[in-house]
Amino acid sequence: MQIIDLLTQIAENTEPDNASLWVAGISSASALLGALIGAVLLHRGTVRQIKSSEDVERRKLKANIVTTERLRWLQEIRKRTSDFYANLDMHYNLLKRPVNPQNNPQYQKDADDLAKTVMVECNQIILLLNPAKEDQKKMRIACNDALEFFQSCVAKRNQNNFQFDDNEYVRVKTEVFDSLTNIGVQTSKKIKELS
């Protein structure tokens, strides 16, 4: 009988019970849930990192484009101002010459062509400037002052008056160049802020 009792005992011990199935099911579900949560967290982290990298690269690209355009714009204003004053200086000195335009029609034609060039160059500079920005507004005013001074010199010249105020000319010229320097400083600050 001992053998039968022993076999009965073995049969009872090896019989499946619901508790061990539950333990196995919960263990499996926990492992799957843990893997799923890990995958979701990894995915979210990767997406955030990609978005962050994308944002950084967009800002770098924007800063590069804005910097390039601001420098191009500043160079354009500098070049136009240089051309404007080269022609204005030439015309100012030409106005001082006591030449009778009626006796020399070519002189009058050259003077008119140069005056037109000066006016166009000044207006092109003014169009490049934003009057809403204080530093650029000052340069617009300085350019307009230069044109007004130039026009007053032409009016004096037409009355055979060859005496011009050289000190006023230097003041007007200095005002434009000081304004241009200030615009350069402001532009440099803005470029550094983007970096």
Protein backbone atom coordinates (compact mmCIF):
# COMPACT_ATOMS: atom_id res chain seq x y z
CA MET A 1 0.00 0.00 0.00
CA GLN A 2 2.79 2.25 0.40
CA ILE A 3 3.38 2.36 -3.29
CA ILE A 4 -0.21 3.27 -3.98
CA ASP A 5 -0.09 6.01 -1.35
CA LEU A 6 3.11 7.28 -2.86
CA LEU A 7 1.62 7.36 -6.38
CA THR A 8 -1.50 9.07 -5.09
CA GLN A 9 0.65 11.65 -3.39
CA ILE A 10 2.66 12.22 -6.61
CA ALA A 11 -0.54 12.56 -8.61
CA GLU A 12 -1.92 15.12 -6.17
CA ASN A 13 1.34 17.12 -6.19
CA THR A 14 1.61 17.18 -9.98
CA GLU A 15 -1.99 18.06 -10.58
CA PRO A 16 -2.24 21.60 -12.07
CA ASP A 17 -3.75 24.18 -9.78
CA ASN A 18 -5.15 27.59 -10.68
CA ALA A 19 -2.79 29.54 -8.42
CA SER A 20 0.35 28.66 -10.36
CA LEU A 21 -1.40 29.47 -13.65
CA TRP A 22 -2.31 32.86 -12.28
CA VAL A 23 1.26 33.47 -11.17
CA ALA A 24 2.60 32.50 -14.58
CA GLY A 25 0.01 34.67 -16.38
CA ILE A 26 0.71 37.70 -14.17
CA SER A 27 4.47 37.25 -14.59
CA SER A 28 4.10 37.08 -18.38
CA ALA A 29 1.78 40.08 -18.48
CA SER A 30 4.17 42.09 -16.27
CA ALA A 31 7.09 41.29 -18.54
CA LEU A 32 5.10 42.28 -21.65
CA LEU A 33 3.81 45.47 -20.00
CA GLY A 34 7.32 46.38 -18.85
CA ALA A 35 8.68 45.88 -22.37
CA LEU A 36 5.79 47.92 -23.84
CA ILE A 37 6.29 50.80 -21.39
CA GLY A 38 10.04 50.75 -22.06
CA ALA A 39 9.41 50.89 -25.82
CA VAL A 40 6.91 53.77 -25.46
CA LEU A 41 9.29 55.75 -23.23
CA LEU A 42 12.18 55.13 -25.63
CA HIS A 43 10.00 56.26 -28.56
CA ARG A 44 8.92 59.45 -26.75
CA GLY A 45 12.51 60.25 -25.81
CA THR A 46 13.67 59.73 -29.37
CA VAL A 47 10.87 61.92 -30.74
CA ARG A 48 11.73 64.72 -28.27
CA GLN A 49 15.40 64.49 -29.18
CA ILE A 50 14.58 64.67 -32.89
CA LYS A 51 12.28 67.67 -32.36
CA SER A 52 14.91 69.39 -30.24
CA SER A 53 17.58 68.78 -32.87
CA GLU A 54 15.22 69.98 -35.58
CA ASP A 55 14.48 73.15 -33.60
CA VAL A 56 18.19 73.83 -33.07
CA GLU A 57 18.94 73.30 -36.76
CA ARG A 58 16.04 75.56 -37.81
CA ARG A 59 17.31 78.32 -35.52
CA LYS A 60 20.83 77.92 -36.91
CA LEU A 61 19.53 78.06 -40.47
CA LYS A 62 17.39 81.10 -39.72
CA ALA A 63 20.30 82.85 -38.01
CA ASN A 64 22.55 82.06 -40.96
CA ILE A 65 20.05 83.37 -43.51
CA VAL A 66 19.21 86.48 -41.47
CA THR A 67 22.90 87.18 -40.83
CA THR A 68 23.76 86.83 -44.51
CA GLU A 69 20.91 89.10 -45.57
CA ARG A 70 21.66 91.74 -42.94
CA LEU A 71 25.30 91.84 -43.97
CA ARG A 72 24.33 92.05 -47.64
CA TRP A 73 21.91 94.88 -46.85
CA LEU A 74 24.53 96.75 -44.81
CA GLN A 75 27.10 96.39 -47.60
CA GLU A 76 24.54 97.68 -50.10
CA ILE A 77 23.84 100.78 -48.00
CA ARG A 78 27.56 101.41 -47.50
CA LYS A 79 28.28 101.09 -51.21
CA ARG A 80 25.40 103.34 -52.21
CA THR A 81 26.37 105.94 -49.60
CA SER A 82 29.94 105.89 -50.84
CA ASP A 83 28.81 106.36 -54.45
CA PHE A 84 26.34 109.06 -53.40
CA TYR A 85 28.99 111.11 -51.61
CA ALA A 86 31.60 110.63 -54.33
CA ASN A 87 29.16 112.12 -56.83
CA LEU A 88 27.90 114.73 -54.38
CA ASP A 89 31.48 115.89 -53.66
CA MET A 90 32.17 116.09 -57.35
CA HIS A 91 28.98 118.05 -58.01
CA TYR A 92 29.55 120.35 -55.03
CA ASN A 93 33.00 121.24 -56.36
CA LEU A 94 31.57 121.64 -59.86
CA LEU A 95 28.95 124.08 -58.55
CA LYS A 96 31.70 126.26 -57.08
CA ARG A 97 33.32 126.84 -60.48
CA PRO A 98 32.43 130.22 -61.94
CA VAL A 99 31.50 128.90 -65.36
CA ASN A 100 28.63 130.48 -67.24
CA PRO A 101 26.38 127.59 -68.31
CA GLN A 102 24.99 129.66 -71.19
CA ASN A 103 28.46 129.95 -72.72
CA ASN A 104 29.21 126.29 -72.12
CA PRO A 105 26.15 124.08 -72.77
CA GLN A 106 28.16 120.88 -72.18
CA TYR A 107 28.94 122.08 -68.65
CA GLN A 108 25.22 122.49 -67.99
CA LYS A 109 24.44 119.04 -69.43
CA ASP A 110 27.17 117.42 -67.32
CA ALA A 111 25.97 119.28 -64.23
CA ASP A 112 22.36 118.19 -64.86
CA ASP A 113 23.39 114.56 -65.39
CA LEU A 114 25.43 114.59 -62.20
CA ALA A 115 22.59 116.23 -60.27
CA LYS A 116 20.21 113.52 -61.46
CA THR A 117 22.69 110.82 -60.42
CA VAL A 118 23.05 112.36 -56.97
CA MET A 119 19.27 112.56 -56.50
CA VAL A 120 18.71 108.97 -57.65
CA GLU A 121 21.49 107.60 -55.43
CA CYS A 122 20.18 109.43 -52.38
CA ASN A 123 16.64 108.20 -52.97
CA GLN A 124 17.88 104.63 -53.42
CA ILE A 125 19.59 104.84 -50.03
CA ILE A 126 16.42 106.22 -48.44
CA LEU A 127 14.37 103.35 -49.89
CA LEU A 128 16.71 100.80 -48.27
CA LEU A 129 16.08 102.27 -44.81
CA ASN A 130 13.22 101.47 -42.44
CA PRO A 131 11.79 104.67 -40.92
CA ALA A 132 10.29 102.67 -38.04
CA LYS A 133 13.79 101.91 -36.71
CA GLU A 134 15.39 104.86 -34.95
CA ASP A 135 18.94 104.42 -36.27
CA GLN A 136 17.70 104.07 -39.86
CA LYS A 137 15.29 106.97 -39.43
CA LYS A 138 18.22 109.21 -38.46
CA MET A 139 20.06 108.25 -41.63
CA ARG A 140 16.99 108.97 -43.76
CA ILE A 141 16.78 112.42 -42.19
CA ALA A 142 20.52 112.97 -42.73
CA CYS A 143 20.21 111.95 -46.40
CA ASN A 144 17.26 114.31 -46.85
CA ASP A 145 19.29 117.10 -45.21
CA ALA A 146 22.13 116.42 -47.66
CA LEU A 147 19.70 116.66 -50.58
CA GLU A 148 18.20 119.88 -49.27
CA PHE A 149 21.65 121.37 -48.83
CA PHE A 150 22.60 120.28 -52.34
CA GLN A 151 19.42 121.80 -53.78
CA SER A 152 20.07 125.08 -51.95
CA CYS A 153 23.57 125.13 -53.47
CA VAL A 154 22.11 124.61 -56.94
CA ALA A 155 19.64 127.45 -56.31
CA LYS A 156 22.49 129.77 -55.25
CA ARG A 157 24.50 128.72 -58.29
CA ASN A 158 21.56 129.59 -60.55
CA GLN A 159 21.65 133.10 -59.04
CA ASN A 160 25.39 133.34 -59.87
CA ASN A 161 26.29 133.02 -56.18
CA PHE A 162 29.37 130.82 -55.83
CA GLN A 163 29.74 131.17 -52.05
CA PHE A 164 28.61 127.99 -50.32
CA ASP A 165 28.77 127.06 -46.66
CA ASP A 166 31.53 124.46 -46.57
CA ASN A 167 31.06 123.97 -42.81
CA GLU A 168 27.42 123.07 -43.36
CA TYR A 169 28.44 120.64 -46.09
CA VAL A 170 30.91 118.95 -43.73
CA ARG A 171 28.22 118.79 -40.99
CA VAL A 172 25.67 117.20 -43.33
CA LYS A 173 28.23 114.73 -44.64
CA THR A 174 29.38 113.81 -41.12
CA GLU A 175 25.77 113.32 -40.03
CA VAL A 176 25.19 110.78 -42.80
CA PHE A 177 28.40 108.87 -42.09
CA ASP A 178 27.77 108.88 -38.33
CA SER A 179 24.28 107.51 -38.96
CA LEU A 180 25.72 104.85 -41.24
CA THR A 181 28.24 103.87 -38.57
CA ASN A 182 25.45 103.60 -36.00
CA ILE A 183 23.44 101.37 -38.34
CA GLY A 184 26.53 99.15 -38.70
CA VAL A 185 26.90 98.91 -34.92
CA GLN A 186 23.20 98.07 -34.44
CA THR A 187 23.33 95.46 -37.19
CA SER A 188 26.41 93.85 -35.62
CA LYS A 189 24.63 93.66 -32.26
CA LYS A 190 21.62 91.97 -33.85
CA ILE A 191 23.85 89.48 -35.65
CA LYS A 192 25.66 88.63 -32.39
CA GLU A 193 22.29 88.09 -30.68
CA LEU A 194 21.39 85.50 -33.31
CA SER A 195 24.61 83.55 -32.80
